[in-house]
Amino acid sequence: DCVRTCTIALDCNGNADNITGTYPNCTCGCRNQWYGQTCDQCLPKYNNRSDCGTCAFGYDDYPHCFPKCTSQQNCSGHARAVTGNFNTTCNCTCRASWFGEICDQCPPNMDPEEDCASCKFGYLNYPICAPRCGNADCYNRSLQVTGAFPNCTCLCKNHWNATARCETCPINYNVTNDCLGCSEDYEEAPHCYRKCTN
């Protein structure tokens, strides 16, 4: 009877550091993270293309190979960069204006439906997102309002003063008549010149 000595190439798929025994009673000392009676298996967390000696894509910290943190799983899908693994901590670097430990919060003046990367309706100038100016910002005396608070531009009606956001009425106009018509000591509307006195 012929007895064959076990070899790494024939009996351990070339994936062992050492071998003992005679065929068919071979004992393989598997290399790296290979396992099984003939060193033919490599867990999915290891990269079998690199001799089961590194972590597979999505895993970290060889030889433990813990799953890496991801934006989708650990940062609400709102991170531009993620570090760490399931054994340590996940560190999320939020994208756009998302914030919070897991990038799950969007400022109230920004639109989460637009990935927190634009202002909500009624706000202007991302990423500041200041409230859009309205007629109330011009003391309800404006024909047209543009800009974002506090830099409102008011096109005032009648003769209200635009530099004061329609707050003041020049002295020569009648404030009790919505800044229209001349005040008591003035005449010739719409110019309202001071009346001459003797």
N, C-alpha and C. Protein backbone atom coordinates (compact mmCIF):
# COMPACT_ATOMS: atom_id res chain seq x y z
N ASP A 1 0.82 -1.20 0.00
CA ASP A 1 0.00 0.00 0.00
C ASP A 1 0.86 1.26 0.00
N CYS A 2 0.51 2.19 -0.91
CA CYS A 2 1.20 3.48 -0.96
C CYS A 2 0.54 4.43 0.00
N VAL A 3 1.34 5.17 0.74
CA VAL A 3 0.83 6.18 1.65
C VAL A 3 1.36 7.53 1.16
N ARG A 4 0.43 8.47 0.98
CA ARG A 4 0.83 9.78 0.50
C ARG A 4 0.87 10.75 1.67
N THR A 5 1.97 11.48 1.78
CA THR A 5 2.09 12.53 2.79
C THR A 5 1.24 13.72 2.34
N CYS A 6 0.49 14.30 3.27
CA CYS A 6 -0.37 15.45 2.95
C CYS A 6 0.49 16.63 2.53
N THR A 7 -0.04 17.43 1.56
CA THR A 7 0.66 18.65 1.14
C THR A 7 -0.32 19.83 1.20
N ILE A 8 0.27 20.99 1.39
CA ILE A 8 -0.56 22.21 1.47
C ILE A 8 -1.28 22.43 0.14
N ALA A 9 -0.56 22.24 -0.97
CA ALA A 9 -1.15 22.50 -2.29
C ALA A 9 -2.31 21.56 -2.59
N LEU A 10 -2.15 20.29 -2.32
CA LEU A 10 -3.20 19.32 -2.66
C LEU A 10 -4.31 19.22 -1.62
N ASP A 11 -3.98 19.34 -0.37
CA ASP A 11 -4.96 19.02 0.67
C ASP A 11 -5.45 20.23 1.48
N CYS A 12 -4.84 21.41 1.27
CA CYS A 12 -5.27 22.60 2.02
C CYS A 12 -5.54 23.77 1.08
N ASN A 13 -5.80 23.47 -0.20
CA ASN A 13 -6.11 24.50 -1.20
C ASN A 13 -5.06 25.60 -1.32
N GLY A 14 -3.84 25.31 -0.88
CA GLY A 14 -2.78 26.30 -0.93
C GLY A 14 -2.94 27.42 0.10
N ASN A 15 -3.87 27.23 1.06
CA ASN A 15 -4.20 28.30 2.01
C ASN A 15 -3.77 27.99 3.44
N ALA A 16 -2.68 27.22 3.59
CA ALA A 16 -2.23 26.86 4.94
C ALA A 16 -0.77 27.25 5.14
N ASP A 17 -0.39 27.44 6.40
CA ASP A 17 1.01 27.69 6.76
C ASP A 17 1.74 26.38 7.02
N ASN A 18 0.96 25.37 7.52
CA ASN A 18 1.58 24.08 7.81
C ASN A 18 0.54 22.98 7.67
N ILE A 19 1.03 21.74 7.59
CA ILE A 19 0.15 20.59 7.43
C ILE A 19 0.83 19.37 8.06
N THR A 20 0.02 18.49 8.63
CA THR A 20 0.55 17.24 9.18
C THR A 20 -0.35 16.10 8.72
N GLY A 21 0.18 14.89 8.77
CA GLY A 21 -0.62 13.71 8.49
C GLY A 21 -0.37 13.13 7.12
N THR A 22 -1.04 11.96 6.93
CA THR A 22 -1.00 11.28 5.64
C THR A 22 -2.42 11.23 5.11
N TYR A 23 -2.53 11.29 3.78
CA TYR A 23 -3.84 11.31 3.14
C TYR A 23 -4.59 10.04 3.47
N PRO A 24 -5.86 10.09 3.83
CA PRO A 24 -6.82 11.20 3.86
C PRO A 24 -6.95 11.86 5.23
N ASN A 25 -6.03 11.63 6.12
CA ASN A 25 -6.11 12.20 7.47
C ASN A 25 -5.18 13.40 7.63
N CYS A 26 -5.42 14.43 6.80
CA CYS A 26 -4.56 15.62 6.81
C CYS A 26 -5.10 16.62 7.83
N THR A 27 -4.18 17.32 8.49
CA THR A 27 -4.56 18.40 9.40
C THR A 27 -3.87 19.67 8.91
N CYS A 28 -4.70 20.61 8.41
CA CYS A 28 -4.18 21.86 7.85
C CYS A 28 -4.13 22.93 8.93
N GLY A 29 -3.05 23.69 8.98
CA GLY A 29 -2.94 24.88 9.82
C GLY A 29 -3.21 26.09 8.93
N CYS A 30 -4.47 26.46 8.84
CA CYS A 30 -4.88 27.50 7.87
C CYS A 30 -4.16 28.82 8.12
N ARG A 31 -3.87 29.52 7.02
CA ARG A 31 -3.20 30.81 7.03
C ARG A 31 -4.24 31.94 7.10
N ASN A 32 -3.81 33.08 7.65
CA ASN A 32 -4.68 34.26 7.75
C ASN A 32 -6.02 33.89 8.37
N GLN A 33 -7.12 34.18 7.68
CA GLN A 33 -8.44 33.90 8.26
C GLN A 33 -9.17 32.75 7.53
N TRP A 34 -8.43 31.97 6.73
CA TRP A 34 -9.03 30.80 6.09
C TRP A 34 -9.44 29.81 7.16
N TYR A 35 -10.50 29.05 6.90
CA TYR A 35 -10.91 28.01 7.85
C TYR A 35 -11.55 26.86 7.09
N GLY A 36 -11.89 25.83 7.81
CA GLY A 36 -12.45 24.62 7.23
C GLY A 36 -11.39 23.52 7.22
N GLN A 37 -11.81 22.29 7.07
CA GLN A 37 -10.89 21.16 7.12
C GLN A 37 -9.80 21.26 6.07
N THR A 38 -10.14 21.86 4.92
CA THR A 38 -9.14 21.99 3.86
C THR A 38 -8.81 23.46 3.56
N CYS A 39 -9.07 24.35 4.53
CA CYS A 39 -8.78 25.79 4.39
C CYS A 39 -9.41 26.37 3.13
N ASP A 40 -10.66 25.99 2.87
CA ASP A 40 -11.31 26.43 1.64
C ASP A 40 -12.39 27.50 1.88
N GLN A 41 -12.52 27.98 3.11
CA GLN A 41 -13.58 28.94 3.40
C GLN A 41 -13.01 30.24 3.98
N CYS A 42 -13.64 31.35 3.57
CA CYS A 42 -13.23 32.67 4.04
C CYS A 42 -14.52 33.43 4.33
N LEU A 43 -14.68 33.91 5.56
CA LEU A 43 -15.91 34.63 5.94
C LEU A 43 -16.09 35.87 5.06
N PRO A 44 -17.33 36.27 4.79
CA PRO A 44 -17.59 37.44 3.92
C PRO A 44 -16.93 38.74 4.41
N LYS A 45 -16.64 38.84 5.71
CA LYS A 45 -16.02 40.08 6.19
C LYS A 45 -14.53 40.17 5.83
N TYR A 46 -13.97 39.07 5.30
CA TYR A 46 -12.57 39.07 4.87
C TYR A 46 -12.51 39.03 3.35
N ASN A 47 -11.41 39.53 2.79
CA ASN A 47 -11.24 39.59 1.35
C ASN A 47 -10.51 38.33 0.88
N ASN A 48 -11.24 37.41 0.24
CA ASN A 48 -10.60 36.17 -0.21
C ASN A 48 -9.67 36.41 -1.39
N ARG A 49 -9.81 37.54 -2.08
CA ARG A 49 -8.91 37.86 -3.19
C ARG A 49 -7.54 38.32 -2.69
N SER A 50 -7.47 38.68 -1.42
CA SER A 50 -6.15 39.03 -0.86
C SER A 50 -5.77 37.99 0.20
N ASP A 51 -6.03 36.72 -0.15
CA ASP A 51 -5.62 35.58 0.68
C ASP A 51 -6.30 35.58 2.04
N CYS A 52 -7.52 36.12 2.09
CA CYS A 52 -8.31 36.14 3.33
C CYS A 52 -7.50 36.83 4.44
N GLY A 53 -6.65 37.81 3.99
CA GLY A 53 -5.74 38.45 4.94
C GLY A 53 -5.98 39.93 5.12
N THR A 54 -7.07 40.44 4.59
CA THR A 54 -7.48 41.84 4.80
C THR A 54 -8.99 41.87 4.95
N CYS A 55 -9.50 42.99 5.39
CA CYS A 55 -10.95 43.14 5.52
C CYS A 55 -11.57 43.34 4.14
N ALA A 56 -12.76 42.81 3.96
CA ALA A 56 -13.51 43.02 2.73
C ALA A 56 -14.03 44.46 2.70
N PHE A 57 -14.48 44.90 1.54
CA PHE A 57 -15.05 46.24 1.40
C PHE A 57 -16.21 46.41 2.38
N GLY A 58 -16.23 47.53 3.09
CA GLY A 58 -17.29 47.78 4.06
C GLY A 58 -16.95 47.32 5.47
N TYR A 59 -15.76 46.78 5.66
CA TYR A 59 -15.32 46.31 6.98
C TYR A 59 -14.01 47.00 7.34
N ASP A 60 -13.69 47.00 8.65
CA ASP A 60 -12.56 47.79 9.13
C ASP A 60 -11.89 47.09 10.31
N ASP A 61 -10.61 47.35 10.53
CA ASP A 61 -9.86 46.91 11.70
C ASP A 61 -9.51 45.42 11.64
N TYR A 62 -8.69 45.03 10.62
CA TYR A 62 -8.23 43.64 10.51
C TYR A 62 -7.41 43.27 11.74
N PRO A 63 -7.51 42.10 12.33
CA PRO A 63 -8.26 40.94 11.84
C PRO A 63 -9.70 40.86 12.34
N HIS A 64 -10.15 41.88 13.11
CA HIS A 64 -11.53 41.80 13.63
C HIS A 64 -12.56 42.05 12.52
N CYS A 65 -12.26 43.02 11.65
CA CYS A 65 -13.11 43.36 10.52
C CYS A 65 -14.56 43.64 10.94
N PHE A 66 -14.71 44.70 11.71
CA PHE A 66 -16.05 45.14 12.11
C PHE A 66 -16.70 45.88 10.95
N PRO A 67 -18.02 45.83 10.83
CA PRO A 67 -18.68 46.60 9.77
C PRO A 67 -18.37 48.09 9.94
N LYS A 68 -18.02 48.77 8.83
CA LYS A 68 -17.77 50.21 8.86
C LYS A 68 -19.09 50.95 9.01
N CYS A 69 -19.03 52.12 9.61
CA CYS A 69 -20.20 52.98 9.69
C CYS A 69 -20.47 53.54 8.29
N THR A 70 -21.75 53.72 7.98
CA THR A 70 -22.13 54.28 6.68
C THR A 70 -23.09 55.45 6.89
N SER A 71 -23.17 56.29 5.89
CA SER A 71 -24.08 57.44 5.96
C SER A 71 -25.52 56.94 6.09
N GLN A 72 -25.87 55.95 5.28
CA GLN A 72 -27.26 55.47 5.27
C GLN A 72 -27.65 54.83 6.60
N GLN A 73 -26.80 53.97 7.13
CA GLN A 73 -27.14 53.24 8.36
C GLN A 73 -26.95 54.05 9.63
N ASN A 74 -25.93 54.90 9.66
CA ASN A 74 -25.57 55.52 10.93
C ASN A 74 -25.69 57.04 10.97
N CYS A 75 -25.93 57.67 9.83
CA CYS A 75 -25.97 59.13 9.78
C CYS A 75 -27.21 59.63 9.05
N SER A 76 -28.29 58.88 9.13
CA SER A 76 -29.59 59.27 8.55
C SER A 76 -29.53 59.51 7.04
N GLY A 77 -28.45 59.05 6.40
CA GLY A 77 -28.32 59.26 4.96
C GLY A 77 -27.92 60.68 4.60
N HIS A 78 -27.49 61.47 5.59
CA HIS A 78 -27.20 62.89 5.35
C HIS A 78 -25.75 63.27 5.61
N ALA A 79 -24.83 62.33 5.54
CA ALA A 79 -23.42 62.64 5.81
C ALA A 79 -22.63 62.69 4.51
N ARG A 80 -21.65 63.59 4.46
CA ARG A 80 -20.74 63.62 3.31
C ARG A 80 -19.51 62.78 3.60
N ALA A 81 -19.26 62.50 4.88
CA ALA A 81 -18.14 61.63 5.27
C ALA A 81 -18.49 60.95 6.58
N VAL A 82 -18.06 59.70 6.71
CA VAL A 82 -18.33 58.91 7.92
C VAL A 82 -17.06 58.15 8.28
N THR A 83 -16.70 58.17 9.55
CA THR A 83 -15.57 57.37 10.01
C THR A 83 -16.03 56.51 11.18
N GLY A 84 -15.24 55.48 11.47
CA GLY A 84 -15.55 54.59 12.59
C GLY A 84 -16.17 53.28 12.14
N ASN A 85 -16.36 52.39 13.13
CA ASN A 85 -16.98 51.09 12.85
C ASN A 85 -17.88 50.72 14.02
N PHE A 86 -18.55 49.58 13.88
CA PHE A 86 -19.54 49.18 14.88
C PHE A 86 -18.93 48.89 16.25
N ASN A 87 -17.62 48.70 16.30
CA ASN A 87 -16.97 48.44 17.58
C ASN A 87 -16.58 49.75 18.28
N THR A 88 -16.25 50.76 17.48
CA THR A 88 -15.88 52.06 18.06
C THR A 88 -17.12 52.95 18.04
N THR A 89 -16.99 54.12 17.53
CA THR A 89 -18.14 55.02 17.39
C THR A 89 -18.20 55.49 15.95
N CYS A 90 -19.39 55.82 15.53
CA CYS A 90 -19.56 56.39 14.19
C CYS A 90 -19.47 57.91 14.31
N ASN A 91 -18.65 58.51 13.46
CA ASN A 91 -18.52 59.97 13.43
C ASN A 91 -19.01 60.47 12.08
N CYS A 92 -20.09 61.23 12.13
CA CYS A 92 -20.73 61.73 10.91
C CYS A 92 -20.31 63.17 10.65
N THR A 93 -19.87 63.45 9.43
CA THR A 93 -19.64 64.82 8.98
C THR A 93 -20.81 65.15 8.07
N CYS A 94 -21.74 65.94 8.60
CA CYS A 94 -23.00 66.20 7.90
C CYS A 94 -22.78 67.02 6.64
N ARG A 95 -23.62 66.78 5.63
CA ARG A 95 -23.56 67.56 4.40
C ARG A 95 -24.60 68.68 4.45
N ALA A 96 -24.47 69.61 3.51
CA ALA A 96 -25.38 70.77 3.43
C ALA A 96 -25.49 71.41 4.81
N SER A 97 -26.69 71.61 5.31
CA SER A 97 -26.85 72.25 6.63
C SER A 97 -27.40 71.29 7.67
N TRP A 98 -27.37 69.98 7.39
CA TRP A 98 -27.81 69.01 8.39
C TRP A 98 -26.90 69.11 9.60
N PHE A 99 -27.44 68.81 10.78
CA PHE A 99 -26.62 68.81 11.98
C PHE A 99 -27.16 67.77 12.95
N GLY A 100 -26.47 67.59 14.07
CA GLY A 100 -26.82 66.58 15.06
C GLY A 100 -25.85 65.42 14.97
N GLU A 101 -25.79 64.63 16.01
CA GLU A 101 -24.84 63.52 16.09
C GLU A 101 -24.98 62.56 14.92
N ILE A 102 -26.22 62.35 14.46
CA ILE A 102 -26.45 61.44 13.34
C ILE A 102 -27.02 62.19 12.13
N CYS A 103 -26.76 63.49 12.05
CA CYS A 103 -27.17 64.32 10.90
C CYS A 103 -28.66 64.20 10.62
N ASP A 104 -29.46 64.25 11.67
CA ASP A 104 -30.90 64.05 11.50
C ASP A 104 -31.71 65.32 11.72
N GLN A 105 -31.03 66.46 11.86
CA GLN A 105 -31.76 67.71 12.13
C GLN A 105 -31.43 68.75 11.05
N CYS A 106 -32.47 69.47 10.64
CA CYS A 106 -32.35 70.52 9.64
C CYS A 106 -32.89 71.79 10.28
N PRO A 107 -32.17 72.92 10.19
CA PRO A 107 -32.67 74.16 10.79
C PRO A 107 -34.09 74.47 10.30
N PRO A 108 -34.91 75.08 11.16
CA PRO A 108 -36.32 75.30 10.80
C PRO A 108 -36.53 76.21 9.59
N ASN A 109 -35.56 77.04 9.25
CA ASN A 109 -35.73 77.92 8.10
C ASN A 109 -35.19 77.31 6.79
N MET A 110 -34.75 76.04 6.86
CA MET A 110 -34.25 75.34 5.68
C MET A 110 -35.16 74.17 5.34
N ASP A 111 -35.11 73.74 4.08
CA ASP A 111 -36.04 72.74 3.57
C ASP A 111 -35.44 71.33 3.60
N PRO A 112 -35.91 70.47 4.52
CA PRO A 112 -35.38 69.10 4.56
C PRO A 112 -35.73 68.31 3.30
N GLU A 113 -36.81 68.69 2.61
CA GLU A 113 -37.19 68.00 1.37
C GLU A 113 -36.20 68.28 0.25
N GLU A 114 -35.41 69.35 0.40
CA GLU A 114 -34.38 69.71 -0.57
C GLU A 114 -33.00 69.39 0.00
N ASP A 115 -32.91 68.35 0.82
CA ASP A 115 -31.66 67.89 1.43
C ASP A 115 -31.04 68.96 2.33
N CYS A 116 -31.88 69.82 2.90
CA CYS A 116 -31.41 70.87 3.82
C CYS A 116 -30.36 71.74 3.13
N ALA A 117 -30.49 71.88 1.81
CA ALA A 117 -29.51 72.63 1.02
C ALA A 117 -30.13 73.85 0.36
N SER A 118 -31.32 74.23 0.80
CA SER A 118 -31.95 75.44 0.30
C SER A 118 -32.90 75.96 1.36
N CYS A 119 -33.30 77.21 1.19
CA CYS A 119 -34.20 77.85 2.16
C CYS A 119 -35.63 77.38 1.95
N LYS A 120 -36.38 77.31 3.04
CA LYS A 120 -37.81 77.06 2.96
C LYS A 120 -38.49 78.25 2.30
N PHE A 121 -39.70 78.03 1.82
CA PHE A 121 -40.47 79.13 1.24
C PHE A 121 -40.63 80.22 2.29
N GLY A 122 -40.42 81.46 1.88
CA GLY A 122 -40.52 82.58 2.81
C GLY A 122 -39.18 83.00 3.39
N TYR A 123 -38.09 82.32 2.99
CA TYR A 123 -36.75 82.65 3.47
C TYR A 123 -35.82 82.80 2.26
N LEU A 124 -34.77 83.62 2.41
CA LEU A 124 -33.86 83.90 1.30
C LEU A 124 -32.40 83.78 1.73
N ASN A 125 -31.52 83.69 0.73
CA ASN A 125 -30.07 83.77 0.89
C ASN A 125 -29.47 82.58 1.64
N TYR A 126 -29.63 81.36 1.07
CA TYR A 126 -29.00 80.17 1.65
C TYR A 126 -27.50 80.40 1.74
N PRO A 127 -26.80 80.05 2.79
CA PRO A 127 -27.27 79.27 3.94
C PRO A 127 -27.76 80.13 5.11
N ILE A 128 -27.85 81.45 4.94
CA ILE A 128 -28.35 82.28 6.02
C ILE A 128 -29.85 82.06 6.22
N CYS A 129 -30.58 82.02 5.12
CA CYS A 129 -32.03 81.80 5.13
C CYS A 129 -32.75 82.76 6.08
N ALA A 130 -32.56 84.04 5.81
CA ALA A 130 -33.25 85.07 6.59
C ALA A 130 -34.68 85.19 6.08
N PRO A 131 -35.61 85.60 6.95
CA PRO A 131 -37.01 85.74 6.50
C PRO A 131 -37.12 86.73 5.35
N ARG A 132 -37.92 86.37 4.36
CA ARG A 132 -38.21 87.26 3.23
C ARG A 132 -38.98 88.46 3.78
N CYS A 133 -38.59 89.65 3.35
CA CYS A 133 -39.27 90.86 3.81
C CYS A 133 -40.71 90.89 3.29
N GLY A 134 -41.58 91.39 4.12
CA GLY A 134 -42.98 91.55 3.74
C GLY A 134 -43.45 92.96 4.05
N ASN A 135 -44.68 93.24 3.72
CA ASN A 135 -45.23 94.57 3.92
C ASN A 135 -45.18 94.99 5.39
N ALA A 136 -45.30 94.05 6.29
CA ALA A 136 -45.24 94.38 7.72
C ALA A 136 -43.87 94.94 8.10
N ASP A 137 -42.80 94.53 7.37
CA ASP A 137 -41.47 95.07 7.64
C ASP A 137 -41.33 96.51 7.16
N CYS A 138 -42.32 96.98 6.45
CA CYS A 138 -42.35 98.37 5.96
C CYS A 138 -43.56 99.10 6.57
N TYR A 139 -43.93 98.70 7.77
CA TYR A 139 -45.03 99.31 8.53
C TYR A 139 -46.34 99.31 7.75
N ASN A 140 -46.50 98.29 6.88
CA ASN A 140 -47.70 98.13 6.06
C ASN A 140 -48.01 99.37 5.22
N ARG A 141 -46.94 100.04 4.78
CA ARG A 141 -47.10 101.27 3.99
C ARG A 141 -46.32 101.18 2.68
N SER A 142 -46.16 99.98 2.18
CA SER A 142 -45.32 99.79 1.00
C SER A 142 -46.13 99.27 -0.18
N LEU A 143 -45.73 99.69 -1.37
CA LEU A 143 -46.34 99.17 -2.60
C LEU A 143 -45.61 97.91 -3.06
N GLN A 144 -44.32 97.85 -2.72
CA GLN A 144 -43.50 96.70 -3.11
C GLN A 144 -42.38 96.52 -2.09
N VAL A 145 -42.08 95.27 -1.76
CA VAL A 145 -41.04 94.97 -0.78
C VAL A 145 -40.12 93.90 -1.36
N THR A 146 -38.82 94.12 -1.24
CA THR A 146 -37.84 93.11 -1.68
C THR A 146 -36.79 92.94 -0.58
N GLY A 147 -36.04 91.85 -0.68
CA GLY A 147 -34.93 91.61 0.24
C GLY A 147 -35.27 90.65 1.35
N ALA A 148 -34.25 90.41 2.18
CA ALA A 148 -34.37 89.52 3.33
C ALA A 148 -34.09 90.33 4.59
N PHE A 149 -34.85 90.06 5.63
CA PHE A 149 -34.74 90.81 6.88
C PHE A 149 -33.34 90.64 7.46
N PRO A 150 -32.68 91.69 7.95
CA PRO A 150 -33.19 93.05 8.20
C PRO A 150 -32.92 94.02 7.06
N ASN A 151 -32.49 93.53 5.89
CA ASN A 151 -32.15 94.41 4.77
C ASN A 151 -33.30 94.53 3.79
N CYS A 152 -34.42 95.02 4.27
CA CYS A 152 -35.61 95.17 3.43
C CYS A 152 -35.51 96.44 2.60
N THR A 153 -35.99 96.36 1.37
CA THR A 153 -36.09 97.54 0.50
C THR A 153 -37.57 97.78 0.27
N CYS A 154 -38.02 98.96 0.68
CA CYS A 154 -39.44 99.28 0.62
C CYS A 154 -39.69 100.35 -0.43
N LEU A 155 -40.65 100.12 -1.30
CA LEU A 155 -41.14 101.15 -2.21
C LEU A 155 -42.40 101.70 -1.54
N CYS A 156 -42.21 102.80 -0.81
CA CYS A 156 -43.28 103.32 0.04
C CYS A 156 -44.38 104.00 -0.77
N LYS A 157 -45.61 103.86 -0.29
CA LYS A 157 -46.72 104.57 -0.93
C LYS A 157 -46.76 106.00 -0.41
N ASN A 158 -47.48 106.81 -1.15
CA ASN A 158 -47.62 108.23 -0.81
C ASN A 158 -46.24 108.83 -0.58
N HIS A 159 -46.01 109.48 0.53
CA HIS A 159 -44.72 110.14 0.75
C HIS A 159 -43.97 109.58 1.96
N TRP A 160 -44.32 108.37 2.38
CA TRP A 160 -43.61 107.76 3.51
C TRP A 160 -42.14 107.62 3.16
N ASN A 161 -41.27 107.73 4.14
CA ASN A 161 -39.82 107.75 3.95
C ASN A 161 -39.27 106.34 3.76
N ALA A 162 -38.73 106.05 2.57
CA ALA A 162 -38.22 104.71 2.25
C ALA A 162 -36.95 104.38 3.03
N THR A 163 -36.12 105.38 3.35
CA THR A 163 -34.88 105.07 4.08
C THR A 163 -35.18 104.60 5.50
N ALA A 164 -36.37 104.91 6.00
CA ALA A 164 -36.75 104.44 7.34
C ALA A 164 -37.79 103.33 7.22
N ARG A 165 -37.76 102.60 6.11
CA ARG A 165 -38.71 101.50 5.85
C ARG A 165 -40.16 101.95 6.04
N CYS A 166 -40.45 103.13 5.50
CA CYS A 166 -41.82 103.68 5.50
C CYS A 166 -42.33 103.98 6.90
N GLU A 167 -41.42 104.22 7.83
CA GLU A 167 -41.83 104.47 9.21
C GLU A 167 -42.17 105.93 9.45
N THR A 168 -41.48 106.82 8.75
CA THR A 168 -41.69 108.25 9.03
C THR A 168 -42.31 108.97 7.84
N CYS A 169 -43.05 109.99 8.17
CA CYS A 169 -43.67 110.86 7.17
C CYS A 169 -42.96 112.21 7.28
N PRO A 170 -42.40 112.72 6.18
CA PRO A 170 -41.74 114.02 6.25
C PRO A 170 -42.68 115.09 6.82
N ILE A 171 -42.11 116.06 7.49
CA ILE A 171 -42.88 117.07 8.23
C ILE A 171 -43.83 117.86 7.35
N ASN A 172 -43.52 118.00 6.06
CA ASN A 172 -44.37 118.79 5.18
C ASN A 172 -45.60 118.03 4.67
N TYR A 173 -45.74 116.75 4.99
CA TYR A 173 -46.91 115.98 4.56
C TYR A 173 -47.78 115.62 5.76
N ASN A 174 -49.03 115.35 5.48
CA ASN A 174 -50.04 115.13 6.52
C ASN A 174 -50.00 113.66 6.98
N VAL A 175 -49.44 113.41 8.15
CA VAL A 175 -49.31 112.05 8.67
C VAL A 175 -50.68 111.45 9.00
N THR A 176 -51.64 112.28 9.37
CA THR A 176 -52.97 111.76 9.71
C THR A 176 -53.77 111.35 8.47
N ASN A 177 -53.29 111.76 7.29
CA ASN A 177 -53.95 111.40 6.03
C ASN A 177 -53.05 110.42 5.26
N ASP A 178 -52.41 109.49 5.97
CA ASP A 178 -51.53 108.47 5.37
C ASP A 178 -50.41 109.10 4.56
N CYS A 179 -49.85 110.21 5.09
CA CYS A 179 -48.71 110.90 4.48
C CYS A 179 -49.06 111.38 3.06
N LEU A 180 -50.29 111.80 2.90
CA LEU A 180 -50.77 112.31 1.61
C LEU A 180 -51.36 113.68 1.85
N GLY A 181 -51.09 114.62 1.01
CA GLY A 181 -51.55 115.99 1.20
C GLY A 181 -50.60 116.72 2.13
N CYS A 182 -50.71 118.02 2.13
CA CYS A 182 -49.79 118.85 2.89
C CYS A 182 -50.22 118.96 4.35
N SER A 183 -49.24 119.08 5.22
CA SER A 183 -49.54 119.31 6.63
C SER A 183 -49.90 120.79 6.82
N GLU A 184 -50.25 121.16 8.02
CA GLU A 184 -50.88 122.45 8.31
C GLU A 184 -50.12 123.68 7.81
N ASP A 185 -48.82 123.73 7.95
CA ASP A 185 -48.06 124.92 7.56
C ASP A 185 -47.45 124.82 6.16
N TYR A 186 -47.97 123.91 5.33
CA TYR A 186 -47.42 123.70 4.00
C TYR A 186 -48.54 123.75 2.97
N GLU A 187 -48.17 124.02 1.69
CA GLU A 187 -49.18 124.14 0.64
C GLU A 187 -48.62 123.67 -0.69
N GLU A 188 -49.51 123.63 -1.70
CA GLU A 188 -49.20 123.23 -3.07
C GLU A 188 -48.79 121.75 -3.17
N ALA A 189 -49.74 120.85 -2.83
CA ALA A 189 -49.52 119.41 -3.00
C ALA A 189 -49.31 119.12 -4.48
N PRO A 190 -48.52 118.22 -4.90
CA PRO A 190 -47.88 117.21 -4.06
C PRO A 190 -46.52 117.63 -3.49
N HIS A 191 -46.06 118.88 -3.82
CA HIS A 191 -44.73 119.29 -3.35
C HIS A 191 -44.72 119.72 -1.89
N CYS A 192 -45.80 120.36 -1.47
CA CYS A 192 -45.96 120.82 -0.08
C CYS A 192 -44.82 121.69 0.39
N TYR A 193 -44.82 122.94 -0.16
CA TYR A 193 -43.83 123.94 0.25
C TYR A 193 -44.31 124.64 1.50
N ARG A 194 -43.37 125.15 2.28
CA ARG A 194 -43.74 125.90 3.48
C ARG A 194 -44.48 127.17 3.04
N LYS A 195 -45.57 127.45 3.78
CA LYS A 195 -46.35 128.66 3.49
C LYS A 195 -45.53 129.89 3.85
N CYS A 196 -45.67 130.90 3.05
CA CYS A 196 -44.99 132.16 3.34
C CYS A 196 -45.71 132.86 4.47
N THR A 197 -44.96 133.50 5.31
CA THR A 197 -45.53 134.29 6.41
C THR A 197 -45.00 135.68 6.32
N ASN A 198 -45.79 136.66 6.79
CA ASN A 198 -45.36 138.07 6.74
C ASN A 198 -44.53 138.43 7.92
